[in-house]
Protein backbone atom coordinates (compact mmCIF):
# COMPACT_ATOMS: atom_id res chain seq x y z
CA MET A 1 -11.59 29.81 -21.61
CA SER A 2 -10.34 26.22 -21.03
CA SER A 3 -10.87 23.70 -23.72
CA ALA A 4 -10.78 20.84 -21.27
CA ALA A 5 -14.13 19.14 -20.64
CA PRO A 6 -15.27 19.06 -16.97
CA LEU A 7 -14.64 15.98 -15.05
CA GLY A 8 -18.18 15.10 -14.19
CA ARG A 9 -19.09 12.68 -11.47
CA GLY A 10 -17.90 9.30 -12.64
CA PRO A 11 -14.83 7.29 -12.35
CA LYS A 12 -12.62 10.05 -13.78
CA VAL A 13 -13.41 12.31 -10.84
CA ARG A 14 -12.67 9.54 -8.42
CA ALA A 15 -9.37 8.85 -10.04
CA ALA A 16 -8.52 12.42 -10.15
CA VAL A 17 -9.34 13.18 -6.52
CA LEU A 18 -7.35 10.17 -5.37
CA ALA A 19 -4.27 11.03 -7.42
CA ALA A 20 -4.46 14.48 -6.22
CA THR A 21 -4.70 13.23 -2.62
CA VAL A 22 -1.56 11.27 -3.01
CA VAL A 23 0.35 14.28 -4.42
CA GLU A 24 -0.95 16.52 -1.64
CA LEU A 25 0.17 14.09 0.95
CA SER A 26 3.60 13.66 -0.67
CA GLU A 27 4.08 17.53 -0.92
CA ARG A 28 2.54 18.73 2.30
CA GLY A 29 2.26 15.78 4.61
CA TYR A 30 -0.62 14.80 6.75
CA SER A 31 -0.69 17.59 9.20
CA ALA A 32 -1.05 20.28 6.41
CA PHE A 33 -3.44 18.20 4.21
CA THR A 34 -6.65 19.97 3.20
CA VAL A 35 -9.66 18.83 1.14
CA ASP A 36 -9.62 22.29 -0.44
CA ASN A 37 -6.19 21.70 -1.86
CA VAL A 38 -7.09 18.39 -3.13
CA ALA A 39 -10.14 19.59 -4.96
CA GLN A 40 -8.18 22.45 -6.39
CA ARG A 41 -5.43 20.00 -7.69
CA ALA A 42 -8.25 17.57 -9.04
CA GLY A 43 -10.05 20.52 -10.75
CA VAL A 44 -13.29 19.89 -8.83
CA HIS A 45 -15.21 21.80 -6.19
CA LYS A 46 -14.82 20.62 -2.60
CA THR A 47 -18.34 19.65 -2.35
CA THR A 48 -17.68 17.18 -5.14
CA VAL A 49 -15.05 15.67 -2.73
CA TYR A 50 -17.37 15.61 0.23
CA ARG A 51 -20.11 14.09 -1.64
CA ARG A 52 -17.91 10.79 -1.97
CA TRP A 53 -15.85 11.13 1.16
CA PRO A 54 -17.33 12.39 4.47
CA ASP A 55 -14.01 13.84 5.81
CA ARG A 56 -10.21 14.11 4.98
CA ASP A 57 -9.37 10.81 6.85
CA ALA A 58 -11.77 8.79 4.74
CA LEU A 59 -10.48 10.37 1.64
CA ILE A 60 -6.86 9.71 2.72
CA ALA A 61 -7.68 6.01 3.51
CA ASP A 62 -9.27 5.56 0.04
CA ALA A 63 -6.49 7.24 -1.69
CA LEU A 64 -3.92 5.04 0.05
CA ALA A 65 -5.79 1.91 -0.56
CA ASP A 66 -6.14 2.67 -4.17
CA SER A 67 -2.45 3.57 -4.51
CA VAL A 68 -1.26 0.37 -2.71
CA ALA A 69 -3.76 -1.85 -4.70
CA ALA A 70 -2.64 -0.39 -8.03
CA GLU A 71 1.10 -0.66 -7.32
CA ILE A 72 1.34 -3.90 -5.40
CA PRO A 73 -0.63 -6.30 -7.30
CA ILE A 74 -1.11 -9.85 -5.83
CA PRO A 75 0.64 -12.32 -8.20
CA ASP A 76 -0.41 -15.74 -9.26
CA THR A 77 2.60 -17.30 -11.06
CA GLY A 78 1.95 -20.95 -10.32
CA SER A 79 4.95 -20.93 -7.93
CA VAL A 80 5.16 -19.73 -4.30
CA GLU A 81 8.77 -18.78 -4.79
CA ASP A 82 7.96 -16.61 -7.77
CA ASP A 83 4.71 -15.31 -6.12
CA LEU A 84 6.67 -14.17 -3.10
CA ARG A 85 9.57 -12.68 -4.99
CA ALA A 86 7.05 -10.90 -7.21
CA LEU A 87 5.06 -9.60 -4.20
CA ALA A 88 8.25 -8.41 -2.31
CA ARG A 89 9.65 -6.71 -5.48
CA SER A 90 6.41 -4.95 -6.05
CA LEU A 91 6.33 -3.73 -2.44
CA VAL A 92 10.01 -2.52 -2.75
CA GLY A 93 9.02 -0.69 -5.97
CA TRP A 94 6.14 0.92 -4.47
CA ILE A 95 8.15 2.07 -1.46
CA ASN A 96 10.67 3.67 -3.75
CA SER A 97 7.93 5.51 -5.64
CA PRO A 98 6.51 8.91 -4.93
CA SER A 99 3.12 7.51 -3.81
CA GLY A 100 4.84 5.01 -1.49
CA ARG A 101 6.98 7.65 0.07
CA ALA A 102 3.77 9.79 0.67
CA VAL A 103 2.01 6.88 2.27
CA LEU A 104 4.97 6.05 4.53
CA ALA A 105 5.20 9.66 5.39
CA VAL A 106 1.53 9.55 6.59
CA MET A 107 2.08 6.55 8.61
CA LEU A 108 5.05 8.02 10.49
CA PRO A 109 4.17 11.35 11.72
CA SER A 110 6.89 13.62 13.13
CA ALA A 111 7.06 14.42 16.83
CA GLY A 112 4.47 16.81 17.99
CA LEU A 113 2.27 16.54 14.78
CA PRO A 114 -1.06 14.83 14.69
CA ALA A 115 -1.12 10.93 14.25
CA PRO A 116 -2.73 9.65 11.06
CA PRO A 117 -6.09 7.93 11.59
CA ASP A 118 -6.30 4.11 12.19
CA ALA A 119 -8.06 3.97 8.82
CA THR A 120 -4.64 4.30 7.15
CA ARG A 121 -3.30 1.33 9.16
CA HIS A 122 -6.35 -0.70 7.74
CA VAL A 123 -4.71 -0.29 4.26
CA PHE A 124 -1.83 -2.41 5.25
CA ARG A 125 -4.01 -5.03 7.16
CA ASP A 126 -6.09 -5.15 3.96
CA ARG A 127 -3.15 -5.89 1.76
CA ILE A 128 -2.03 -8.69 3.96
CA ARG A 129 -5.61 -10.14 3.82
CA ARG A 130 -5.54 -9.77 -0.09
CA ALA A 131 -2.16 -11.64 -0.23
CA LEU A 132 -3.43 -14.71 1.66
CA PRO A 133 -4.43 -16.54 -1.45
CA VAL A 134 -0.70 -16.75 -2.41
CA VAL A 135 -0.09 -18.89 0.67
CA ALA A 136 -3.36 -20.84 0.22
CA ARG A 137 -2.45 -21.72 -3.39
CA ALA A 138 0.98 -22.85 -2.29
CA ILE A 139 -0.49 -25.26 0.29
CA THR A 140 -2.80 -26.65 -2.30
CA ARG A 141 0.14 -27.29 -4.60
CA GLY A 142 2.06 -28.95 -1.87
CA GLU A 143 4.87 -26.30 -1.91
CA ILE A 144 4.51 -25.61 1.82
CA PRO A 145 2.98 -27.50 4.80
CA SER A 146 -0.64 -27.73 5.27
CA GLY A 147 -1.64 -25.63 8.25
CA THR A 148 0.84 -22.85 7.42
CA ASN A 149 -0.55 -19.54 8.97
CA ALA A 150 -0.81 -17.45 5.80
CA ALA A 151 -0.97 -14.08 7.60
CA GLU A 152 2.09 -14.91 9.64
CA MET A 153 3.93 -15.97 6.41
CA ILE A 154 3.00 -12.70 4.55
CA LYS A 155 4.02 -10.60 7.66
CA THR A 156 7.43 -12.27 7.79
CA LEU A 157 7.77 -11.41 4.00
CA VAL A 158 7.29 -7.79 4.48
CA ALA A 159 8.78 -7.33 7.85
CA PRO A 160 12.54 -7.16 6.76
CA ILE A 161 11.61 -4.63 4.08
CA TYR A 162 9.72 -2.31 6.27
CA LEU A 163 12.39 -2.65 8.94
CA ARG A 164 14.98 -1.36 6.75
CA VAL A 165 12.92 1.65 5.42
CA LEU A 166 11.12 2.65 8.64
CA ILE A 167 13.59 1.56 11.48
CA THR A 168 17.08 1.66 10.13
CA GLY A 169 16.63 4.03 7.27
CA GLU A 170 18.23 1.76 4.71
CA SER A 171 17.32 1.70 1.08
CA VAL A 172 15.71 -1.35 -0.32
CA ASP A 173 16.03 -3.02 -3.78
CA ASP A 174 15.32 -6.27 -5.59
CA THR A 175 18.06 -7.92 -3.63
CA THR A 176 16.25 -6.88 -0.25
CA ALA A 177 12.96 -8.26 -1.82
CA ASP A 178 14.59 -11.49 -3.01
CA ALA A 179 16.02 -12.19 0.50
CA ALA A 180 12.77 -11.43 2.25
CA ALA A 181 11.00 -13.95 -0.07
CA ALA A 182 13.64 -16.48 0.51
CA LEU A 183 13.42 -15.88 4.40
CA SER A 184 9.56 -16.26 4.45
CA LEU A 185 9.65 -19.36 2.18
CA THR A 186 12.33 -21.06 4.15
CA ALA A 187 10.51 -20.41 7.35
CA ALA A 188 7.23 -21.75 6.01
CA ARG A 189 8.90 -24.93 4.72
CA ALA A 190 10.46 -25.53 8.10
CA GLY A 191 7.11 -25.43 9.57
CA LEU A 192 7.58 -22.28 11.46
CA PHE A 193 4.20 -20.87 10.76
CA SER A 194 2.04 -23.91 11.73
């Protein structure tokens, strides 16, 4: 008989299921992913999972959003240069983590396997949206030109990192992150995002 208390229905269940989802994705991939396996990993019945998430794609999207939000916080250092560097370094750290690799594997299915739902792409659009205040604060402080398109600036920050990881298959590190931050800031200060 197990001495562990049941997880119940609260935040502990949600956290356990989301963590199990990321592990399941990292080990089995999107095409072999099942709610049954997630429930077993989390120590809950599958009806507990379906009570909160109507299907596997909703569960995956929530787990990915949770993972990205936890591992890539939106900085507020008081300096756009430091904020961009911190944001880029968090992204690189996440990409190099097991959960980051799992998310990226879901985003890039192999030939012949089912494509992930569009909801997973929403996770990345949401992170861009959440990072927009970094640019707004920089405009308010006079660090970059008024009228700078915040979304384009953030996309320029992350693009060189994702290019290396997803297209050329290169590894990324803090040097990559710092160069991406410098590129984005230089372009913004030159008025390229107006």
